Each structure stands twice: as C-alpha cells, then as structure tokens.
Amino acid sequence: MPILDLYEHGEQRKNLAHFATLATLAAADGIITEEEKAILDKFAFKLNITDAEYKEVMKKENKYPIETPHSGEKRLMRLFDFFRMAFADRNIDEDQEKMIEKYAIGLGYSHEDAVEIIKKSFDIFCGKIAFEDYQYLLKK
C-alpha cells in the first residue's frame, strides 16, 4: 500500500471523528432539528463522509475519539465548526455548553483558554461584540 493511501486513510479517519463529534453535539438536546440536519449534511459533504458512515454515526453512540490537529489554526477551525453546529438552532442548552467545553479541552486548549475562547465565541455568535471588535474582524 502506498504511503499516500495511509495518509488519506488517516485524514479520513480524522474527518469521520470530527463529523461524529458534530453529530453528538447536534443530538445533545435529544433531537436533531432541520437546521442541524442541514449543517450536518454540509459537513458530511465537506468532510467526504459516505452515506454508510453517516448512517453509522447517526445511529450509534459516538465511538470516535477527538482528533487533535497539530496546527493551532486547524484546532480553531474545528472549534468554529462545533460552534456553527451548536448555534444552528439558535439555542444553546447546558448540555451543549458542557460538551463545547469538553471538546475545546479535548482539542488541546487549557481549561482557562477554553473558557475564554468559548466566552468570546458566544459573544460573536450571539451578536454581542463591540464595534471595535467588529471593525477588526472586517479588516482581516
């Protein structure tokens, strides 16, 4: 087997683990809304999740460990994806908050950094950002 096949397999495994984590978050409140399903469908496409993998993830407990990317940018991207899923139905319950914190720590953030990132992310996703922050984000 060529080394490239091993790399692709490993990358697919990471994508599947990330998708399974997103699906677990979507189901944390007991139901998957149409908005959450639509986002899951987009992530399944983006992450090259097959129909069989999708069905397996959706019917079983999440059996995939959190894969921690080495790149800080990729870790932040995974956390951003998680927030998009969490805010899909515009309602974050306590279970989802706990899961987000566990996920952030699982991605390699310290507890303090996770709490800070989550607070700032909540402010951004809820539209509670200061004008200066808004202006800074638009200049990037």
C-alpha atoms as a PDB file:
ATOM      1  CA  MET A   1       0.000   0.000   0.000  1.00  0.00           C
ATOM      2  CA  PRO A   2       1.470   3.373  -0.986  1.00  0.00           C
ATOM      3  CA  ILE A   3       2.191   5.817   1.843  1.00  0.00           C
ATOM      4  CA  LEU A   4      -0.255   8.278   0.262  1.00  0.00           C
ATOM      5  CA  ASP A   5      -3.085   5.767   0.830  1.00  0.00           C
ATOM      6  CA  LEU A   6      -2.182   5.595   4.513  1.00  0.00           C
ATOM      7  CA  TYR A   7      -2.225   9.391   4.771  1.00  0.00           C
ATOM      8  CA  GLU A   8      -5.600   9.654   3.079  1.00  0.00           C
ATOM      9  CA  HIS A   9      -6.989   6.925   5.293  1.00  0.00           C
ATOM     10  CA  GLY A  10      -5.700   8.730   8.381  1.00  0.00           C
ATOM     11  CA  GLU A  11      -7.135  12.026   7.192  1.00  0.00           C
ATOM     12  CA  GLN A  12     -10.493  10.377   6.502  1.00  0.00           C
ATOM     13  CA  ARG A  13     -10.468   8.854   9.985  1.00  0.00           C
ATOM     14  CA  LYS A  14      -9.912  12.328  11.451  1.00  0.00           C
ATOM     15  CA  ASN A  15     -12.730  13.755   9.331  1.00  0.00           C
ATOM     16  CA  LEU A  16     -15.056  10.972  10.459  1.00  0.00           C
ATOM     17  CA  ALA A  17     -14.150  11.576  14.100  1.00  0.00           C
ATOM     18  CA  HIS A  18     -14.804  15.309  13.677  1.00  0.00           C
ATOM     19  CA  PHE A  19     -18.140  14.606  11.992  1.00  0.00           C
ATOM     20  CA  ALA A  20     -19.124  12.183  14.768  1.00  0.00           C
ATOM     21  CA  THR A  21     -18.363  14.866  17.351  1.00  0.00           C
ATOM     22  CA  LEU A  22     -20.517  17.374  15.472  1.00  0.00           C
ATOM     23  CA  ALA A  23     -23.352  14.843  15.267  1.00  0.00           C
ATOM     24  CA  THR A  24     -23.085  14.197  19.009  1.00  0.00           C
ATOM     25  CA  LEU A  25     -23.407  17.918  19.679  1.00  0.00           C
ATOM     26  CA  ALA A  26     -26.425  18.161  17.388  1.00  0.00           C
ATOM     27  CA  ALA A  27     -28.123  15.349  19.317  1.00  0.00           C
ATOM     28  CA  ALA A  28     -27.096  16.605  22.785  1.00  0.00           C
ATOM     29  CA  ASP A  29     -30.523  18.114  23.452  1.00  0.00           C
ATOM     30  CA  GLY A  30     -32.303  14.917  22.405  1.00  0.00           C
ATOM     31  CA  ILE A  31     -33.393  15.993  18.927  1.00  0.00           C
ATOM     32  CA  ILE A  32     -31.740  16.979  15.689  1.00  0.00           C
ATOM     33  CA  THR A  33     -33.543  19.949  14.182  1.00  0.00           C
ATOM     34  CA  GLU A  34     -33.870  20.577  10.456  1.00  0.00           C
ATOM     35  CA  GLU A  35     -31.269  23.342  10.749  1.00  0.00           C
ATOM     36  CA  GLU A  36     -28.822  20.996  12.490  1.00  0.00           C
ATOM     37  CA  LYS A  37     -29.502  18.257   9.924  1.00  0.00           C
ATOM     38  CA  ALA A  38     -28.797  20.708   7.097  1.00  0.00           C
ATOM     39  CA  ILE A  39     -25.476  21.676   8.679  1.00  0.00           C
ATOM     40  CA  LEU A  40     -24.592  18.017   9.273  1.00  0.00           C
ATOM     41  CA  ASP A  41     -25.329  17.312   5.614  1.00  0.00           C
ATOM     42  CA  LYS A  42     -22.994  20.140   4.559  1.00  0.00           C
ATOM     43  CA  PHE A  43     -20.246  18.901   6.854  1.00  0.00           C
ATOM     44  CA  ALA A  44     -20.719  15.335   5.597  1.00  0.00           C
ATOM     45  CA  PHE A  45     -20.130  16.594   2.068  1.00  0.00           C
ATOM     46  CA  LYS A  46     -17.212  18.825   3.082  1.00  0.00           C
ATOM     47  CA  LEU A  47     -15.541  16.012   5.048  1.00  0.00           C
ATOM     48  CA  ASN A  48     -16.210  13.298   2.408  1.00  0.00           C
ATOM     49  CA  ILE A  49     -18.386  11.241   4.748  1.00  0.00           C
ATOM     50  CA  THR A  50     -20.040   8.358   2.895  1.00  0.00           C
ATOM     51  CA  ASP A  51     -23.740   7.567   3.271  1.00  0.00           C
ATOM     52  CA  ALA A  52     -22.834   4.399   5.182  1.00  0.00           C
ATOM     53  CA  GLU A  53     -20.565   6.334   7.574  1.00  0.00           C
ATOM     54  CA  TYR A  54     -23.246   8.995   8.023  1.00  0.00           C
ATOM     55  CA  LYS A  55     -25.868   6.407   8.944  1.00  0.00           C
ATOM     56  CA  GLU A  56     -23.483   4.626  11.306  1.00  0.00           C
ATOM     57  CA  VAL A  57     -22.566   7.827  13.139  1.00  0.00           C
ATOM     58  CA  MET A  58     -26.204   8.826  13.457  1.00  0.00           C
ATOM     59  CA  LYS A  59     -27.425   5.533  14.926  1.00  0.00           C
ATOM     60  CA  LYS A  60     -24.706   4.695  17.437  1.00  0.00           C
ATOM     61  CA  GLU A  61     -23.026   6.363  20.380  1.00  0.00           C
ATOM     62  CA  ASN A  62     -20.018   8.366  19.309  1.00  0.00           C
ATOM     63  CA  LYS A  63     -17.181   5.853  19.284  1.00  0.00           C
ATOM     64  CA  TYR A  64     -14.598   8.106  17.711  1.00  0.00           C
ATOM     65  CA  PRO A  65     -12.013   9.889  19.833  1.00  0.00           C
ATOM     66  CA  ILE A  66     -11.389  13.590  19.427  1.00  0.00           C
ATOM     67  CA  GLU A  67      -8.582  14.002  16.926  1.00  0.00           C
ATOM     68  CA  THR A  68      -6.387  16.924  17.914  1.00  0.00           C
ATOM     69  CA  PRO A  69      -4.861  18.691  14.914  1.00  0.00           C
ATOM     70  CA  HIS A  70      -1.282  19.852  15.389  1.00  0.00           C
ATOM     71  CA  SER A  71      -1.961  23.212  13.777  1.00  0.00           C
ATOM     72  CA  GLY A  72      -3.464  25.893  16.008  1.00  0.00           C
ATOM     73  CA  GLU A  73      -5.433  27.180  13.030  1.00  0.00           C
ATOM     74  CA  LYS A  74      -6.948  23.732  12.371  1.00  0.00           C
ATOM     75  CA  ARG A  75      -7.869  23.349  16.053  1.00  0.00           C
ATOM     76  CA  LEU A  76      -9.603  26.712  15.965  1.00  0.00           C
ATOM     77  CA  MET A  77     -11.359  25.734  12.708  1.00  0.00           C
ATOM     78  CA  ARG A  78     -12.681  22.536  14.340  1.00  0.00           C
ATOM     79  CA  LEU A  79     -13.925  24.554  17.311  1.00  0.00           C
ATOM     80  CA  PHE A  80     -15.532  27.050  14.930  1.00  0.00           C
ATOM     81  CA  ASP A  81     -17.307  24.153  13.168  1.00  0.00           C
ATOM     82  CA  PHE A  82     -18.523  22.986  16.550  1.00  0.00           C
ATOM     83  CA  PHE A  83     -19.927  26.442  17.318  1.00  0.00           C
ATOM     84  CA  ARG A  84     -21.706  26.567  13.963  1.00  0.00           C
ATOM     85  CA  MET A  85     -23.427  23.311  14.850  1.00  0.00           C
ATOM     86  CA  ALA A  86     -24.209  24.447  18.387  1.00  0.00           C
ATOM     87  CA  PHE A  87     -25.810  27.672  17.176  1.00  0.00           C
ATOM     88  CA  ALA A  88     -27.693  26.055  14.270  1.00  0.00           C
ATOM     89  CA  ASP A  89     -30.959  26.120  16.188  1.00  0.00           C
ATOM     90  CA  ARG A  90     -30.070  29.421  17.914  1.00  0.00           C
ATOM     91  CA  ASN A  91     -30.482  27.751  21.285  1.00  0.00           C
ATOM     92  CA  ILE A  92     -27.610  26.540  23.451  1.00  0.00           C
ATOM     93  CA  ASP A  93     -28.596  24.403  26.384  1.00  0.00           C
ATOM     94  CA  GLU A  94     -26.473  23.451  29.382  1.00  0.00           C
ATOM     95  CA  ASP A  95     -25.539  20.036  27.948  1.00  0.00           C
ATOM     96  CA  GLN A  96     -24.282  21.643  24.754  1.00  0.00           C
ATOM     97  CA  GLU A  97     -22.245  24.186  26.743  1.00  0.00           C
ATOM     98  CA  LYS A  98     -20.584  21.390  28.699  1.00  0.00           C
ATOM     99  CA  MET A  99     -19.899  19.459  25.513  1.00  0.00           C
ATOM    100  CA  ILE A 100     -18.330  22.523  23.866  1.00  0.00           C
ATOM    101  CA  GLU A 101     -16.024  22.998  26.841  1.00  0.00           C
ATOM    102  CA  LYS A 102     -15.042  19.309  26.854  1.00  0.00           C
ATOM    103  CA  TYR A 103     -14.411  19.456  23.116  1.00  0.00           C
ATOM    104  CA  ALA A 104     -12.224  22.565  23.426  1.00  0.00           C
ATOM    105  CA  ILE A 105     -10.165  20.894  26.144  1.00  0.00           C
ATOM    106  CA  GLY A 106     -10.023  17.719  24.057  1.00  0.00           C
ATOM    107  CA  LEU A 107      -8.616  19.788  21.198  1.00  0.00           C
ATOM    108  CA  GLY A 108      -5.726  20.755  23.433  1.00  0.00           C
ATOM    109  CA  TYR A 109      -6.780  24.073  24.936  1.00  0.00           C
ATOM    110  CA  SER A 110      -6.162  24.554  28.651  1.00  0.00           C
ATOM    111  CA  HIS A 111      -9.275  24.925  30.790  1.00  0.00           C
ATOM    112  CA  GLU A 112      -8.645  28.674  31.149  1.00  0.00           C
ATOM    113  CA  ASP A 113      -8.072  29.174  27.422  1.00  0.00           C
ATOM    114  CA  ALA A 114     -11.144  27.064  26.604  1.00  0.00           C
ATOM    115  CA  VAL A 115     -13.353  29.163  28.887  1.00  0.00           C
ATOM    116  CA  GLU A 116     -12.023  32.394  27.355  1.00  0.00           C
ATOM    117  CA  ILE A 117     -12.422  31.196  23.756  1.00  0.00           C
ATOM    118  CA  ILE A 118     -15.926  29.922  24.469  1.00  0.00           C
ATOM    119  CA  LYS A 119     -16.997  33.207  26.077  1.00  0.00           C
ATOM    120  CA  LYS A 120     -15.674  35.235  23.140  1.00  0.00           C
ATOM    121  CA  SER A 121     -17.227  32.817  20.653  1.00  0.00           C
ATOM    122  CA  PHE A 122     -20.600  33.033  22.394  1.00  0.00           C
ATOM    123  CA  ASP A 123     -20.408  36.823  22.173  1.00  0.00           C
ATOM    124  CA  ILE A 124     -19.568  36.636  18.467  1.00  0.00           C
ATOM    125  CA  PHE A 125     -22.216  34.055  17.579  1.00  0.00           C
ATOM    126  CA  CYS A 126     -24.863  35.862  19.652  1.00  0.00           C
ATOM    127  CA  GLY A 127     -24.030  39.195  18.024  1.00  0.00           C
ATOM    128  CA  LYS A 128     -22.758  40.746  21.256  1.00  0.00           C
ATOM    129  CA  ILE A 129     -19.473  42.132  20.023  1.00  0.00           C
ATOM    130  CA  ALA A 130     -18.161  45.625  20.442  1.00  0.00           C
ATOM    131  CA  PHE A 131     -17.852  47.861  17.401  1.00  0.00           C
ATOM    132  CA  GLU A 132     -14.059  47.822  17.671  1.00  0.00           C
ATOM    133  CA  ASP A 133     -14.070  44.014  17.511  1.00  0.00           C
ATOM    134  CA  TYR A 134     -16.457  44.091  14.573  1.00  0.00           C
ATOM    135  CA  GLN A 135     -14.247  46.577  12.801  1.00  0.00           C
ATOM    136  CA  TYR A 136     -11.146  44.445  13.495  1.00  0.00           C
ATOM    137  CA  LEU A 137     -12.840  41.326  12.119  1.00  0.00           C
ATOM    138  CA  LEU A 138     -13.838  43.094   8.927  1.00  0.00           C
ATOM    139  CA  LYS A 139     -10.288  44.309   8.300  1.00  0.00           C
ATOM    140  CA  LYS A 140      -8.871  40.751   8.293  1.00  0.00           C
END
